[in-house]
Each structure stands twice: as structure tokens, then as C-alpha cells.
């Protein structure tokens, strides 16, 4: 049954109250700060810079007092896709037709070059950092705080006709349903296995996907039922969005939030000002010399 323990490997949408410094920040600070880091990691191209960015993210995880093993466990569901992309990038990807990247190994249409090795490092570092940052936002912020923070950030757009309250509610409900769906899928898999279904039989990915189809249908129906129940519950409690809605909870932006945003800004300036491209070129030259020997 350990193969069906999905909830322990889903960190997005879960809240871990450790009382750390990151937990005490204003939710708007966390949304803006982590969003800036997400954008920087998406835009950055140098492999060495992405590795430094990944180290910064791991430092934030430690600062949040989140067990590193628990945070890295969130990579397990995406690990097969990451490894497949890395293998395709390594064997058929970057640098195959570049004169500056001489092959380290080649056979038929496959070729491994220093450029492809560097591209794989950048790919793995980028995706790992993105997953950890997304998980860190929900691990350090409760769902209600996320709703209040997203609503406050989107509120200026109400003058343009953007439904800020509704968008914030949809955003937080979507994050909250990620662990709920994982728990429901875990129950369905265990129920199918208890009835003798061979859920993980075979090594062929297509065969395993075909065996999971009978589980996806009840999961889809359960999701629709939960959404309908949530709608009825919100209507029964008189929820209404839009202009004129009052707020019981007031956010407070303190000095610690200013310091946190300034620190993130300085880190981003350092991440883009350091010549990581030159470091990548030195790494390519070192790989080429090792291959020549």
C-alpha cells in the first residue's frame, strides 16, 4: 500500500505551521516576493545561475523550518516527467548541430555534448526550484491568508472591471483542492487494489495509463460533486463577491515585510548582475578538455 500513499508526496496546497520567520510575513509579501523569484528563475538562462537560484530556494525552505525531505518529496510525482525530459534533452537536444560543442559521445542519431549536459542541468535546476517555490508559498501561508493577500493585491484592478474577489477565491480554492484530490485518488487506488485490480501491473507506460483510466472516471465525478457541494455551502452562508463587500480581517504591512522585499530585490539584482554566462563558458571548456583526454 506504500505505492498508493500520494498525499505525503503532494506539498502544493498543504500548510505546515512551524512558526518561522516566513510564516510571520504578510501574505502579500510572500506572494510578491516568491512571484518575483519564480519569474527570475523562469527568465534566467545560465545553468550556473539557475543552480545558485536553486540554492537560494533551498535556503528559504530551511529558513521556513520545513523538513527538506518533506519539501523534496513534492518532486516525486513530477520525477518521471523530469527524467524523461532530461533524457530527451541530453541525447537529442542542445548542441547537436553546434560547431562549438564537440560530441562527448555519439551513436546513430543520439549525441551527448557539453551543451546538452549544461542544458540538462539548467532544466532540472529550473523545474526543481519552481516546484519548491510553489510548495513553499502554501506551506508557509494558510488558505485564508492566501485569499486575503491575493484579494488585496487584485483589488486595484476592480476599477477596470476585474472581479478581484472572485479571482482570489478561485485561486485559493484551486490550491486547496490539490491535496484533496490527491487524498481522493489515494482512496480510489486503495479500493481498487483491495478488490484485486492490478493498478501497477506491467512496465509499459501505456499499459499502466490504460489501467488507471477506470480510476480517473470516479475521480472526475467526485470532483464535480465536491464542487457542487462547495457552491451550495457558499450560497447557504450568503457569500457574495464584488464591490461593497466588507472585510473582517485586515492585513498589516510591517517593517519585517519591507526588509524581506528589499532582501529579495537585492538577491535578484545579484542573480542577474553576476556574469554566470562566462562561468558556463568555462564549464563548457572544462568538459571539452575532459572529453579530449
C-alpha atoms as a PDB file:
ATOM      1  CA  UNK A   1       0.000   0.000   0.000  1.00  0.00           C
ATOM      2  CA  UNK A   2       3.002   2.321   0.194  1.00  0.00           C
ATOM      3  CA  UNK A   3       2.783   2.817  -3.586  1.00  0.00           C
ATOM      4  CA  UNK A   4      -0.619   4.464  -3.073  1.00  0.00           C
ATOM      5  CA  UNK A   5       0.499   6.998  -0.426  1.00  0.00           C
ATOM      6  CA  UNK A   6       0.021  10.028  -2.663  1.00  0.00           C
ATOM      7  CA  UNK A   7      -0.801  12.655  -0.061  1.00  0.00           C
ATOM      8  CA  UNK A   8       2.670  12.566   1.521  1.00  0.00           C
ATOM      9  CA  UNK A   9       4.186  13.435  -1.873  1.00  0.00           C
ATOM     10  CA  UNK A  10       1.861  16.383  -2.572  1.00  0.00           C
ATOM     11  CA  UNK A  11       3.218  19.518  -0.929  1.00  0.00           C
ATOM     12  CA  UNK A  12       1.347  22.099  -3.033  1.00  0.00           C
ATOM     13  CA  UNK A  13      -1.760  23.214  -1.175  1.00  0.00           C
ATOM     14  CA  UNK A  14      -0.668  21.957   2.247  1.00  0.00           C
ATOM     15  CA  UNK A  15       0.052  24.253   5.200  1.00  0.00           C
ATOM     16  CA  UNK A  16       2.794  23.438   7.701  1.00  0.00           C
ATOM     17  CA  UNK A  17       2.638  25.749  10.766  1.00  0.00           C
ATOM     18  CA  UNK A  18       6.233  25.863  12.004  1.00  0.00           C
ATOM     19  CA  UNK A  19       6.159  29.458  13.322  1.00  0.00           C
ATOM     20  CA  UNK A  20       9.154  30.510  11.261  1.00  0.00           C
ATOM     21  CA  UNK A  21      10.069  33.996  10.064  1.00  0.00           C
ATOM     22  CA  UNK A  22       8.463  33.337   6.684  1.00  0.00           C
ATOM     23  CA  UNK A  23       5.209  32.333   8.382  1.00  0.00           C
ATOM     24  CA  UNK A  24       5.048  35.704  10.134  1.00  0.00           C
ATOM     25  CA  UNK A  25       5.345  37.718   6.922  1.00  0.00           C
ATOM     26  CA  UNK A  26       2.364  39.427   5.373  1.00  0.00           C
ATOM     27  CA  UNK A  27       0.754  37.177   2.736  1.00  0.00           C
ATOM     28  CA  UNK A  28       1.127  39.952   0.160  1.00  0.00           C
ATOM     29  CA  UNK A  29       4.869  39.981   0.816  1.00  0.00           C
ATOM     30  CA  UNK A  30       5.108  36.248   0.270  1.00  0.00           C
ATOM     31  CA  UNK A  31       3.033  36.306  -2.906  1.00  0.00           C
ATOM     32  CA  UNK A  32       5.014  39.202  -4.420  1.00  0.00           C
ATOM     33  CA  UNK A  33       8.431  38.012  -3.219  1.00  0.00           C
ATOM     34  CA  UNK A  34       8.035  34.391  -4.262  1.00  0.00           C
ATOM     35  CA  UNK A  35       6.424  35.539  -7.510  1.00  0.00           C
ATOM     36  CA  UNK A  36       9.496  37.661  -8.254  1.00  0.00           C
ATOM     37  CA  UNK A  37      11.741  34.662  -7.605  1.00  0.00           C
ATOM     38  CA  UNK A  38       9.564  32.486  -9.837  1.00  0.00           C
ATOM     39  CA  UNK A  39       9.802  34.999 -12.672  1.00  0.00           C
ATOM     40  CA  UNK A  40      13.565  35.349 -12.250  1.00  0.00           C
ATOM     41  CA  UNK A  41      14.099  31.592 -12.415  1.00  0.00           C
ATOM     42  CA  UNK A  42      11.874  31.308 -15.483  1.00  0.00           C
ATOM     43  CA  UNK A  43      13.717  34.116 -17.305  1.00  0.00           C
ATOM     44  CA  UNK A  44      17.277  33.164 -16.296  1.00  0.00           C
ATOM     45  CA  UNK A  45      19.129  31.065 -18.870  1.00  0.00           C
ATOM     46  CA  UNK A  46      22.577  30.331 -17.424  1.00  0.00           C
ATOM     47  CA  UNK A  47      22.907  26.899 -15.811  1.00  0.00           C
ATOM     48  CA  UNK A  48      25.239  28.160 -13.082  1.00  0.00           C
ATOM     49  CA  UNK A  49      22.819  30.991 -12.265  1.00  0.00           C
ATOM     50  CA  UNK A  50      19.926  28.538 -12.022  1.00  0.00           C
ATOM     51  CA  UNK A  51      21.950  26.379  -9.641  1.00  0.00           C
ATOM     52  CA  UNK A  52      22.559  29.444  -7.466  1.00  0.00           C
ATOM     53  CA  UNK A  53      18.831  30.204  -7.624  1.00  0.00           C
ATOM     54  CA  UNK A  54      18.056  26.643  -6.547  1.00  0.00           C
ATOM     55  CA  UNK A  55      20.412  27.036  -3.575  1.00  0.00           C
ATOM     56  CA  UNK A  56      18.580  30.244  -2.611  1.00  0.00           C
ATOM     57  CA  UNK A  57      15.264  28.411  -2.733  1.00  0.00           C
ATOM     58  CA  UNK A  58      16.636  25.598  -0.580  1.00  0.00           C
ATOM     59  CA  UNK A  59      17.851  28.242   1.875  1.00  0.00           C
ATOM     60  CA  UNK A  60      14.308  29.648   2.046  1.00  0.00           C
ATOM     61  CA  UNK A  61      12.969  26.152   2.724  1.00  0.00           C
ATOM     62  CA  UNK A  62      15.403  25.776   5.625  1.00  0.00           C
ATOM     63  CA  UNK A  63      14.519  29.275   6.857  1.00  0.00           C
ATOM     64  CA  UNK A  64      10.852  28.265   6.867  1.00  0.00           C
ATOM     65  CA  UNK A  65      11.731  25.292   9.133  1.00  0.00           C
ATOM     66  CA  UNK A  66      10.189  22.907   6.624  1.00  0.00           C
ATOM     67  CA  UNK A  67      11.900  19.496   6.619  1.00  0.00           C
ATOM     68  CA  UNK A  68      13.988  19.307   3.478  1.00  0.00           C
ATOM     69  CA  UNK A  69      12.972  15.692   2.873  1.00  0.00           C
ATOM     70  CA  UNK A  70       9.301  16.678   3.028  1.00  0.00           C
ATOM     71  CA  UNK A  71       9.777  19.584   0.605  1.00  0.00           C
ATOM     72  CA  UNK A  72      11.793  17.486  -1.844  1.00  0.00           C
ATOM     73  CA  UNK A  73       9.143  14.769  -1.598  1.00  0.00           C
ATOM     74  CA  UNK A  74       6.895  17.047  -3.628  1.00  0.00           C
ATOM     75  CA  UNK A  75       9.163  16.362  -6.615  1.00  0.00           C
ATOM     76  CA  UNK A  76       8.286  12.668  -6.663  1.00  0.00           C
ATOM     77  CA  UNK A  77       5.046  12.951  -8.717  1.00  0.00           C
ATOM     78  CA  UNK A  78       6.856  15.009 -11.379  1.00  0.00           C
ATOM     79  CA  UNK A  79      10.074  12.965 -11.298  1.00  0.00           C
ATOM     80  CA  UNK A  80       9.236  10.588 -14.212  1.00  0.00           C
ATOM     81  CA  UNK A  81       8.387  13.531 -16.490  1.00  0.00           C
ATOM     82  CA  UNK A  82      11.524  15.403 -15.416  1.00  0.00           C
ATOM     83  CA  UNK A  83      13.741  12.389 -16.086  1.00  0.00           C
ATOM     84  CA  UNK A  84      12.115  11.836 -19.488  1.00  0.00           C
ATOM     85  CA  UNK A  85      12.653  15.469 -20.480  1.00  0.00           C
ATOM     86  CA  UNK A  86      16.235  15.330 -19.203  1.00  0.00           C
ATOM     87  CA  UNK A  87      16.967  12.170 -21.222  1.00  0.00           C
ATOM     88  CA  UNK A  88      15.496  13.666 -24.404  1.00  0.00           C
ATOM     89  CA  UNK A  89      17.426  16.896 -23.869  1.00  0.00           C
ATOM     90  CA  UNK A  90      20.654  15.035 -23.180  1.00  0.00           C
ATOM     91  CA  UNK A  91      20.502  12.663 -26.152  1.00  0.00           C
ATOM     92  CA  UNK A  92      18.653  14.655 -28.805  1.00  0.00           C
ATOM     93  CA  UNK A  93      18.756  18.239 -27.603  1.00  0.00           C
ATOM     94  CA  UNK A  94      21.006  21.232 -27.269  1.00  0.00           C
ATOM     95  CA  UNK A  95      24.335  21.395 -29.086  1.00  0.00           C
ATOM     96  CA  UNK A  96      23.931  18.552 -31.591  1.00  0.00           C
ATOM     97  CA  UNK A  97      24.409  20.852 -34.564  1.00  0.00           C
ATOM     98  CA  UNK A  98      26.632  23.447 -32.916  1.00  0.00           C
ATOM     99  CA  UNK A  99      30.258  23.685 -34.034  1.00  0.00           C
ATOM    100  CA  UNK A 100      31.329  25.000 -30.621  1.00  0.00           C
ATOM    101  CA  UNK A 101      30.088  21.869 -28.792  1.00  0.00           C
ATOM    102  CA  UNK A 102      32.013  18.809 -29.856  1.00  0.00           C
ATOM    103  CA  UNK A 103      30.302  15.488 -29.052  1.00  0.00           C
ATOM    104  CA  UNK A 104      31.387  13.679 -25.927  1.00  0.00           C
ATOM    105  CA  UNK A 105      29.596  10.549 -27.125  1.00  0.00           C
ATOM    106  CA  UNK A 106      27.557   9.813 -30.229  1.00  0.00           C
ATOM    107  CA  UNK A 107      25.739   6.858 -31.732  1.00  0.00           C
ATOM    108  CA  UNK A 108      23.356   6.967 -34.691  1.00  0.00           C
ATOM    109  CA  UNK A 109      21.054   9.984 -34.171  1.00  0.00           C
ATOM    110  CA  UNK A 110      21.948  10.356 -30.488  1.00  0.00           C
ATOM    111  CA  UNK A 111      24.732  12.624 -29.310  1.00  0.00           C
ATOM    112  CA  UNK A 112      25.843  13.933 -25.917  1.00  0.00           C
ATOM    113  CA  UNK A 113      27.658  17.264 -25.991  1.00  0.00           C
ATOM    114  CA  UNK A 114      28.832  19.666 -23.261  1.00  0.00           C
ATOM    115  CA  UNK A 115      25.992  21.984 -24.308  1.00  0.00           C
ATOM    116  CA  UNK A 116      23.389  19.249 -23.813  1.00  0.00           C
ATOM    117  CA  UNK A 117      24.839  18.387 -20.378  1.00  0.00           C
ATOM    118  CA  UNK A 118      24.637  22.036 -19.404  1.00  0.00           C
ATOM    119  CA  UNK A 119      21.068  22.280 -20.741  1.00  0.00           C
ATOM    120  CA  UNK A 120      20.014  19.265 -18.658  1.00  0.00           C
ATOM    121  CA  UNK A 121      21.490  20.834 -15.519  1.00  0.00           C
ATOM    122  CA  UNK A 122      19.579  24.062 -16.244  1.00  0.00           C
ATOM    123  CA  UNK A 123      16.357  22.132 -16.911  1.00  0.00           C
ATOM    124  CA  UNK A 124      16.481  20.132 -13.687  1.00  0.00           C
ATOM    125  CA  UNK A 125      17.508  23.145 -11.584  1.00  0.00           C
ATOM    126  CA  UNK A 126      14.735  25.330 -13.037  1.00  0.00           C
ATOM    127  CA  UNK A 127      11.908  22.819 -12.587  1.00  0.00           C
ATOM    128  CA  UNK A 128      13.065  21.829  -9.102  1.00  0.00           C
ATOM    129  CA  UNK A 129      13.201  25.459  -7.990  1.00  0.00           C
ATOM    130  CA  UNK A 130       9.765  26.212  -9.473  1.00  0.00           C
ATOM    131  CA  UNK A 131       8.114  23.284  -7.714  1.00  0.00           C
ATOM    132  CA  UNK A 132       9.799  24.107  -4.406  1.00  0.00           C
ATOM    133  CA  UNK A 133       8.804  27.782  -4.611  1.00  0.00           C
ATOM    134  CA  UNK A 134       5.170  26.945  -5.364  1.00  0.00           C
ATOM    135  CA  UNK A 135       5.107  24.484  -2.480  1.00  0.00           C
ATOM    136  CA  UNK A 136       6.807  26.974  -0.160  1.00  0.00           C
ATOM    137  CA  UNK A 137       4.053  29.543  -0.738  1.00  0.00           C
ATOM    138  CA  UNK A 138       1.338  27.205   0.506  1.00  0.00           C
ATOM    139  CA  UNK A 139       3.483  25.544   3.185  1.00  0.00           C
ATOM    140  CA  UNK A 140       4.063  28.914   4.891  1.00  0.00           C
ATOM    141  CA  UNK A 141       0.667  30.540   4.238  1.00  0.00           C
ATOM    142  CA  UNK A 142      -2.765  29.301   5.233  1.00  0.00           C
ATOM    143  CA  UNK A 143      -5.580  29.234   2.695  1.00  0.00           C
ATOM    144  CA  UNK A 144      -7.403  32.135   4.347  1.00  0.00           C
ATOM    145  CA  UNK A 145      -4.238  34.259   4.359  1.00  0.00           C
ATOM    146  CA  UNK A 146      -3.664  33.452   0.699  1.00  0.00           C
ATOM    147  CA  UNK A 147      -7.215  34.514  -0.100  1.00  0.00           C
ATOM    148  CA  UNK A 148      -6.830  37.815   1.767  1.00  0.00           C
ATOM    149  CA  UNK A 149      -3.427  38.511   0.216  1.00  0.00           C
ATOM    150  CA  UNK A 150      -4.480  37.734  -3.363  1.00  0.00           C
ATOM    151  CA  UNK A 151      -7.664  39.767  -2.927  1.00  0.00           C
ATOM    152  CA  UNK A 152      -5.728  42.775  -1.611  1.00  0.00           C
ATOM    153  CA  UNK A 153      -3.242  42.628  -4.496  1.00  0.00           C
ATOM    154  CA  UNK A 154      -6.006  42.369  -7.104  1.00  0.00           C
ATOM    155  CA  UNK A 155      -8.261  44.998  -5.512  1.00  0.00           C
ATOM    156  CA  UNK A 156      -6.817  47.971  -7.518  1.00  0.00           C
ATOM    157  CA  UNK A 157      -7.915  46.168 -10.700  1.00  0.00           C
ATOM    158  CA  UNK A 158     -11.551  46.427  -9.644  1.00  0.00           C
ATOM    159  CA  UNK A 159     -11.622  49.929 -11.159  1.00  0.00           C
ATOM    160  CA  UNK A 160     -11.008  48.278 -14.532  1.00  0.00           C
ATOM    161  CA  UNK A 161     -13.886  45.858 -14.024  1.00  0.00           C
ATOM    162  CA  UNK A 162     -11.739  42.905 -12.954  1.00  0.00           C
ATOM    163  CA  UNK A 163     -13.571  40.730 -10.359  1.00  0.00           C
ATOM    164  CA  UNK A 164     -10.768  40.684  -7.773  1.00  0.00           C
ATOM    165  CA  UNK A 165     -12.749  38.903  -5.047  1.00  0.00           C
ATOM    166  CA  UNK A 166     -13.866  36.108  -7.341  1.00  0.00           C
ATOM    167  CA  UNK A 167     -10.400  35.606  -8.850  1.00  0.00           C
ATOM    168  CA  UNK A 168      -8.799  35.423  -5.392  1.00  0.00           C
ATOM    169  CA  UNK A 169     -11.408  32.894  -4.274  1.00  0.00           C
ATOM    170  CA  UNK A 170     -10.875  30.728  -7.373  1.00  0.00           C
ATOM    171  CA  UNK A 171      -7.094  30.888  -6.874  1.00  0.00           C
ATOM    172  CA  UNK A 172      -7.223  29.752  -3.252  1.00  0.00           C
ATOM    173  CA  UNK A 173      -9.844  27.070  -3.846  1.00  0.00           C
ATOM    174  CA  UNK A 174      -7.748  25.614  -6.691  1.00  0.00           C
ATOM    175  CA  UNK A 175      -4.700  25.380  -4.418  1.00  0.00           C
ATOM    176  CA  UNK A 176      -6.762  23.923  -1.585  1.00  0.00           C
ATOM    177  CA  UNK A 177      -8.207  21.205  -3.823  1.00  0.00           C
ATOM    178  CA  UNK A 178      -4.790  19.837  -4.851  1.00  0.00           C
ATOM    179  CA  UNK A 179      -4.222  17.791  -1.634  1.00  0.00           C
ATOM    180  CA  UNK A 180      -7.951  16.975  -1.504  1.00  0.00           C
ATOM    181  CA  UNK A 181      -7.832  15.421  -4.969  1.00  0.00           C
ATOM    182  CA  UNK A 182      -4.630  13.551  -4.082  1.00  0.00           C
ATOM    183  CA  UNK A 183      -6.335  12.115  -0.992  1.00  0.00           C
ATOM    184  CA  UNK A 184      -9.398  11.095  -3.013  1.00  0.00           C
ATOM    185  CA  UNK A 185      -7.232   9.444  -5.680  1.00  0.00           C
ATOM    186  CA  UNK A 186      -5.356   7.604  -2.942  1.00  0.00           C
ATOM    187  CA  UNK A 187      -8.649   6.225  -1.566  1.00  0.00           C
ATOM    188  CA  UNK A 188      -9.766   5.103  -5.029  1.00  0.00           C
ATOM    189  CA  UNK A 189      -6.463   3.347  -5.739  1.00  0.00           C
ATOM    190  CA  UNK A 190      -6.569   1.518  -2.421  1.00  0.00           C
ATOM    191  CA  UNK A 191     -10.180   0.499  -3.020  1.00  0.00           C
ATOM    192  CA  UNK A 192      -9.332  -0.848  -6.483  1.00  0.00           C
ATOM    193  CA  UNK A 193      -6.298  -2.723  -5.135  1.00  0.00           C
ATOM    194  CA  UNK A 194      -8.404  -4.227  -2.322  1.00  0.00           C
ATOM    195  CA  UNK A 195     -10.788  -5.576  -4.970  1.00  0.00           C
ATOM    196  CA  UNK A 196      -7.917  -7.285  -6.826  1.00  0.00           C
ATOM    197  CA  UNK A 197      -7.278  -4.724  -9.546  1.00  0.00           C
ATOM    198  CA  UNK A 198      -3.740  -4.700 -10.940  1.00  0.00           C
ATOM    199  CA  UNK A 199      -3.174  -0.942 -10.804  1.00  0.00           C
ATOM    200  CA  UNK A 200       0.633  -1.002 -11.107  1.00  0.00           C
ATOM    201  CA  UNK A 201       0.913  -4.100 -13.252  1.00  0.00           C
ATOM    202  CA  UNK A 202       3.293  -4.078 -16.198  1.00  0.00           C
ATOM    203  CA  UNK A 203       6.216  -1.881 -17.083  1.00  0.00           C
ATOM    204  CA  UNK A 204       4.736  -0.385 -20.244  1.00  0.00           C
ATOM    205  CA  UNK A 205       3.685   3.245 -19.546  1.00  0.00           C
ATOM    206  CA  UNK A 206       0.769   2.967 -21.986  1.00  0.00           C
ATOM    207  CA  UNK A 207      -0.485  -0.175 -20.261  1.00  0.00           C
ATOM    208  CA  UNK A 208      -0.270   1.449 -16.812  1.00  0.00           C
ATOM    209  CA  UNK A 209      -2.082   4.535 -18.087  1.00  0.00           C
ATOM    210  CA  UNK A 210      -4.849   2.348 -19.513  1.00  0.00           C
ATOM    211  CA  UNK A 211      -5.194   0.607 -16.142  1.00  0.00           C
ATOM    212  CA  UNK A 212      -5.618   3.966 -14.397  1.00  0.00           C
ATOM    213  CA  UNK A 213      -8.497   5.084 -16.633  1.00  0.00           C
ATOM    214  CA  UNK A 214     -11.172   3.308 -14.515  1.00  0.00           C
ATOM    215  CA  UNK A 215      -9.888   5.324 -11.507  1.00  0.00           C
ATOM    216  CA  UNK A 216      -9.917   8.676 -13.309  1.00  0.00           C
ATOM    217  CA  UNK A 217     -13.638   8.466 -14.138  1.00  0.00           C
ATOM    218  CA  UNK A 218     -14.847   8.260 -10.494  1.00  0.00           C
ATOM    219  CA  UNK A 219     -12.227  10.864  -9.538  1.00  0.00           C
ATOM    220  CA  UNK A 220     -13.680  13.262 -12.120  1.00  0.00           C
ATOM    221  CA  UNK A 221     -17.222  12.621 -10.888  1.00  0.00           C
ATOM    222  CA  UNK A 222     -16.163  13.092  -7.257  1.00  0.00           C
ATOM    223  CA  UNK A 223     -14.506  16.383  -8.144  1.00  0.00           C
ATOM    224  CA  UNK A 224     -17.697  17.648  -9.766  1.00  0.00           C
ATOM    225  CA  UNK A 225     -19.709  16.575  -6.739  1.00  0.00           C
ATOM    226  CA  UNK A 226     -17.344  18.353  -4.349  1.00  0.00           C
ATOM    227  CA  UNK A 227     -17.507  21.497  -6.451  1.00  0.00           C
ATOM    228  CA  UNK A 228     -21.304  21.424  -6.371  1.00  0.00           C
ATOM    229  CA  UNK A 229     -21.325  20.920  -2.591  1.00  0.00           C
ATOM    230  CA  UNK A 230     -18.902  23.823  -2.161  1.00  0.00           C
ATOM    231  CA  UNK A 231     -21.128  26.063  -4.279  1.00  0.00           C
ATOM    232  CA  UNK A 232     -24.205  25.187  -2.223  1.00  0.00           C
ATOM    233  CA  UNK A 233     -22.296  25.743   1.039  1.00  0.00           C
ATOM    234  CA  UNK A 234     -21.095  29.192  -0.056  1.00  0.00           C
ATOM    235  CA  UNK A 235     -24.592  30.184  -1.176  1.00  0.00           C
ATOM    236  CA  UNK A 236     -26.092  28.925   2.100  1.00  0.00           C
ATOM    237  CA  UNK A 237     -23.665  31.121   4.033  1.00  0.00           C
ATOM    238  CA  UNK A 238     -24.574  34.161   1.967  1.00  0.00           C
ATOM    239  CA  UNK A 239     -21.257  34.632   0.181  1.00  0.00           C
ATOM    240  CA  UNK A 240     -21.303  37.471  -2.314  1.00  0.00           C
ATOM    241  CA  UNK A 241     -18.292  38.943  -4.080  1.00  0.00           C
ATOM    242  CA  UNK A 242     -17.796  42.183  -5.891  1.00  0.00           C
ATOM    243  CA  UNK A 243     -17.779  45.842  -4.805  1.00  0.00           C
ATOM    244  CA  UNK A 244     -19.202  46.819  -1.436  1.00  0.00           C
ATOM    245  CA  UNK A 245     -18.041  43.665   0.306  1.00  0.00           C
ATOM    246  CA  UNK A 246     -16.596  44.369   3.765  1.00  0.00           C
ATOM    247  CA  UNK A 247     -13.621  42.588   5.339  1.00  0.00           C
ATOM    248  CA  UNK A 248     -13.316  41.430   8.922  1.00  0.00           C
ATOM    249  CA  UNK A 249      -9.617  40.575   8.605  1.00  0.00           C
ATOM    250  CA  UNK A 250      -7.214  43.476   7.995  1.00  0.00           C
ATOM    251  CA  UNK A 251      -3.695  42.913   6.683  1.00  0.00           C
ATOM    252  CA  UNK A 252      -0.799  44.768   8.344  1.00  0.00           C
ATOM    253  CA  UNK A 253       2.343  45.612   6.370  1.00  0.00           C
ATOM    254  CA  UNK A 254       5.263  45.955   8.825  1.00  0.00           C
ATOM    255  CA  UNK A 255       8.987  46.630   8.809  1.00  0.00           C
ATOM    256  CA  UNK A 256       9.815  42.966   8.505  1.00  0.00           C
ATOM    257  CA  UNK A 257       7.922  42.874   5.196  1.00  0.00           C
ATOM    258  CA  UNK A 258       9.889  45.847   3.858  1.00  0.00           C
ATOM    259  CA  UNK A 259      13.150  44.167   4.849  1.00  0.00           C
ATOM    260  CA  UNK A 260      12.065  40.885   3.244  1.00  0.00           C
ATOM    261  CA  UNK A 261      11.137  42.519  -0.070  1.00  0.00           C
ATOM    262  CA  UNK A 262      14.367  44.541  -0.071  1.00  0.00           C
ATOM    263  CA  UNK A 263      16.396  41.367   0.567  1.00  0.00           C
ATOM    264  CA  UNK A 264      14.660  39.552  -2.284  1.00  0.00           C
ATOM    265  CA  UNK A 265      15.280  42.547  -4.557  1.00  0.00           C
ATOM    266  CA  UNK A 266      18.984  42.535  -3.708  1.00  0.00           C
ATOM    267  CA  UNK A 267      19.190  38.794  -4.339  1.00  0.00           C
ATOM    268  CA  UNK A 268      17.574  39.227  -7.742  1.00  0.00           C
ATOM    269  CA  UNK A 269      19.937  42.083  -8.640  1.00  0.00           C
ATOM    270  CA  UNK A 270      22.893  39.893  -7.683  1.00  0.00           C
ATOM    271  CA  UNK A 271      21.464  36.942  -9.620  1.00  0.00           C
ATOM    272  CA  UNK A 272      21.273  38.961 -12.837  1.00  0.00           C
ATOM    273  CA  UNK A 273      24.402  41.090 -12.376  1.00  0.00           C
ATOM    274  CA  UNK A 274      26.880  38.241 -11.823  1.00  0.00           C
ATOM    275  CA  UNK A 275      28.305  37.037 -15.185  1.00  0.00           C
ATOM    276  CA  UNK A 276      27.025  33.479 -14.988  1.00  0.00           C
ATOM    277  CA  UNK A 277      27.264  33.183 -18.781  1.00  0.00           C
ATOM    278  CA  UNK A 278      31.059  33.400 -18.543  1.00  0.00           C
ATOM    279  CA  UNK A 279      31.011  30.707 -15.853  1.00  0.00           C
ATOM    280  CA  UNK A 280      29.008  28.490 -18.199  1.00  0.00           C
ATOM    281  CA  UNK A 281      31.584  29.024 -20.941  1.00  0.00           C
ATOM    282  CA  UNK A 282      34.367  27.963 -18.554  1.00  0.00           C
ATOM    283  CA  UNK A 283      32.333  24.890 -17.690  1.00  0.00           C
ATOM    284  CA  UNK A 284      31.916  24.010 -21.370  1.00  0.00           C
ATOM    285  CA  UNK A 285      35.660  24.384 -21.920  1.00  0.00           C
ATOM    286  CA  UNK A 286      36.382  22.155 -18.926  1.00  0.00           C
ATOM    287  CA  UNK A 287      34.022  19.451 -20.218  1.00  0.00           C
ATOM    288  CA  UNK A 288      35.630  19.648 -23.650  1.00  0.00           C
ATOM    289  CA  UNK A 289      39.105  19.183 -22.159  1.00  0.00           C
ATOM    290  CA  UNK A 290      37.933  16.221 -20.102  1.00  0.00           C
ATOM    291  CA  UNK A 291      36.379  14.662 -23.188  1.00  0.00           C
ATOM    292  CA  UNK A 292      39.580  15.117 -25.185  1.00  0.00           C
ATOM    293  CA  UNK A 293      41.520  13.203 -22.561  1.00  0.00           C
END
